[in-house]
Amino acid sequence: MCYHGFKFQKDDDMKARIKWIENACLLGESDSGHGVVIDGAAEIGGRNMGIRPMEMILMGLGSCTAMDVLNILKKQRQNISDCVIEVEGTRRDEYPQIFSTIHIHFIITGRDIKESLLKKAVNLSAEKYCSVSAMLSATTKITHDYERIDIT
């Protein structure tokens, strides 16, 4: 479960609906009412009209850990003005072509951000709160680092 500030929000039952549009193009709809276009590469009939499924995995991981880190830093009263999470994955050659490694790079911008608190927030997300990271880490080596940009 992602950490959402002062208390935990747990969504026990989640659903998604995937509808085929044409060729390799799909429409994904979440139980919360949001949609995303998913498409495959041209080699399998895709037209590059949407995100690839494995890219969504990286985005899910990056956004889950970003929510954790930002909420932890907010609770610690850190003055954050920007946050960028860069996530890079390497897939194995054999099928299924799952990620063998994923690296998460946090770029946190703000005023007088305490490095010890930033490091703690990143580690808490990685080791305790990020559900996506916990799931993927069963089969994937996940590493992370961060940089702090001070805007004094």
Protein backbone atom coordinates (compact mmCIF):
# COMPACT_ATOMS: atom_id res chain seq x y z
CA MET A 1 0.00 0.00 0.00
CA CYS A 2 1.29 3.47 -0.71
CA TYR A 3 1.82 5.71 2.26
CA HIS A 4 -0.66 8.62 2.15
CA GLY A 5 0.28 11.01 4.94
CA PHE A 6 -1.07 10.55 8.44
CA LYS A 7 -2.94 7.31 7.98
CA PHE A 8 -2.87 4.38 5.63
CA GLN A 9 -5.33 4.09 2.80
CA LYS A 10 -5.86 0.47 1.86
CA ASP A 11 -7.72 -0.57 -1.25
CA ASP A 12 -8.32 -4.29 -0.68
CA ASP A 13 -10.30 -4.96 -3.82
CA MET A 14 -9.26 -3.26 -7.02
CA LYS A 15 -10.49 -3.90 -10.52
CA ALA A 16 -9.46 -2.93 -14.00
CA ARG A 17 -11.12 -3.45 -17.36
CA ILE A 18 -9.15 -3.79 -20.58
CA LYS A 19 -11.04 -3.39 -23.89
CA TRP A 20 -9.56 -4.27 -27.23
CA ILE A 21 -9.84 -1.39 -29.73
CA GLU A 22 -7.99 -2.72 -32.80
CA ASN A 23 -4.74 -4.49 -33.71
CA ALA A 24 -2.57 -4.14 -30.57
CA CYS A 25 -4.43 -1.10 -29.23
CA LEU A 26 -6.33 -1.44 -25.96
CA LEU A 27 -8.20 0.85 -23.60
CA GLY A 28 -7.53 0.32 -19.92
CA GLU A 29 -10.14 1.55 -17.46
CA SER A 30 -9.57 1.71 -13.73
CA ASP A 31 -12.16 1.05 -11.07
CA SER A 32 -11.70 4.69 -10.02
CA GLY A 33 -12.97 5.84 -13.42
CA HIS A 34 -9.78 6.72 -15.26
CA GLY A 35 -8.63 5.47 -18.63
CA VAL A 36 -5.41 4.99 -20.52
CA VAL A 37 -4.63 3.97 -24.09
CA ILE A 38 -2.28 1.01 -24.31
CA ASP A 39 -0.59 0.05 -27.57
CA GLY A 40 2.10 -2.30 -28.77
CA ALA A 41 5.09 -1.90 -31.01
CA ALA A 42 4.66 -1.87 -34.80
CA GLU A 43 6.16 -5.39 -34.99
CA ILE A 44 3.04 -6.77 -33.29
CA GLY A 45 0.52 -4.54 -35.05
CA GLY A 46 0.69 -1.50 -32.81
CA ARG A 47 0.57 2.08 -34.08
CA ASN A 48 2.38 3.75 -31.17
CA MET A 49 -0.84 5.39 -29.98
CA GLY A 50 -0.39 4.59 -26.32
CA ILE A 51 1.87 3.47 -23.56
CA ARG A 52 3.37 -0.03 -23.56
CA PRO A 53 2.36 -2.37 -20.71
CA MET A 54 5.91 -2.67 -19.32
CA GLU A 55 6.29 1.12 -19.40
CA MET A 56 3.18 1.26 -17.22
CA ILE A 57 4.93 -0.96 -14.69
CA LEU A 58 7.81 1.53 -14.44
CA MET A 59 5.38 4.44 -14.19
CA GLY A 60 3.38 2.65 -11.50
CA LEU A 61 6.54 2.04 -9.47
CA GLY A 62 7.76 5.61 -9.92
CA SER A 63 4.43 7.18 -9.01
CA CYS A 64 3.87 4.92 -5.99
CA THR A 65 7.27 5.71 -4.51
CA ALA A 66 6.90 9.42 -5.41
CA MET A 67 3.63 9.62 -3.43
CA ASP A 68 5.31 7.96 -0.46
CA VAL A 69 8.41 10.17 -0.49
CA LEU A 70 6.48 13.41 -1.02
CA ASN A 71 4.02 12.64 1.76
CA ILE A 72 6.79 11.64 4.17
CA LEU A 73 8.75 14.81 3.37
CA LYS A 74 5.60 16.90 3.79
CA LYS A 75 4.99 15.32 7.19
CA GLN A 76 8.62 16.14 8.06
CA ARG A 77 7.87 19.77 7.09
CA GLN A 78 10.39 19.85 4.25
CA ASN A 79 9.89 22.69 1.76
CA ILE A 80 9.65 20.81 -1.57
CA SER A 81 9.06 22.77 -4.78
CA ASP A 82 9.65 20.01 -7.35
CA CYS A 83 10.04 16.26 -7.56
CA VAL A 84 11.07 14.20 -10.57
CA ILE A 85 11.44 10.44 -10.43
CA GLU A 86 13.41 8.78 -13.23
CA VAL A 87 12.88 5.03 -13.45
CA GLU A 88 14.97 2.80 -15.70
CA GLY A 89 14.45 -0.91 -16.15
CA THR A 90 16.42 -3.63 -17.89
CA ARG A 91 14.50 -6.63 -19.17
CA ARG A 92 15.93 -10.10 -19.47
CA ASP A 93 16.33 -11.67 -22.92
CA GLU A 94 14.37 -14.87 -22.28
CA TYR A 95 10.60 -15.11 -22.03
CA PRO A 96 8.81 -13.91 -20.10
CA GLN A 97 10.87 -10.75 -20.55
CA ILE A 98 10.44 -9.43 -17.03
CA PHE A 99 12.60 -6.71 -15.56
CA SER A 100 15.82 -8.08 -14.11
CA THR A 101 16.87 -4.71 -12.67
CA ILE A 102 15.19 -1.38 -12.05
CA HIS A 103 16.88 1.80 -10.89
CA ILE A 104 14.94 4.71 -9.37
CA HIS A 105 16.54 8.16 -9.32
CA PHE A 106 14.83 10.86 -7.23
CA ILE A 107 15.48 14.53 -8.04
CA ILE A 108 14.07 16.61 -5.20
CA THR A 109 14.15 20.40 -5.37
CA GLY A 110 13.36 22.69 -2.48
CA ARG A 111 14.57 25.06 0.17
CA ASP A 112 16.81 23.78 2.99
CA ILE A 113 15.91 20.12 2.48
CA LYS A 114 17.68 18.04 5.12
CA GLU A 115 19.59 15.25 3.42
CA SER A 116 19.07 12.89 6.36
CA LEU A 117 15.28 13.29 6.08
CA LEU A 118 15.33 12.84 2.30
CA LYS A 119 17.40 9.67 2.65
CA LYS A 120 15.03 8.38 5.33
CA ALA A 121 11.96 9.10 3.17
CA VAL A 122 13.45 7.30 0.16
CA ASN A 123 14.43 4.29 2.29
CA LEU A 124 11.05 4.10 4.02
CA SER A 125 9.30 4.03 0.67
CA ALA A 126 11.65 1.40 -0.73
CA GLU A 127 11.69 -0.85 2.33
CA LYS A 128 8.27 -0.42 3.92
CA TYR A 129 5.54 1.52 2.12
CA CYS A 130 5.68 1.15 -1.67
CA SER A 131 3.42 -1.76 -2.64
CA VAL A 132 4.62 -1.79 -6.23
CA SER A 133 8.24 -2.01 -5.12
CA ALA A 134 7.40 -4.81 -2.70
CA MET A 135 5.71 -6.80 -5.47
CA LEU A 136 8.44 -6.29 -8.05
CA SER A 137 11.32 -6.91 -5.65
CA ALA A 138 10.34 -10.59 -5.46
CA THR A 139 11.77 -11.06 -8.98
CA THR A 140 13.66 -7.83 -9.70
CA LYS A 141 16.69 -6.13 -8.18
CA ILE A 142 15.56 -2.58 -7.40
CA THR A 143 18.09 0.12 -6.56
CA HIS A 144 17.62 3.80 -5.86
CA ASP A 145 19.52 7.00 -5.35
CA TYR A 146 18.63 10.66 -5.04
CA GLU A 147 19.88 14.14 -5.66
CA ARG A 148 18.87 17.21 -3.77
CA ILE A 149 18.68 20.60 -5.48
CA ASP A 150 18.61 23.52 -3.09
CA ILE A 151 16.94 26.75 -4.21
CA THR A 152 18.26 29.17 -1.60
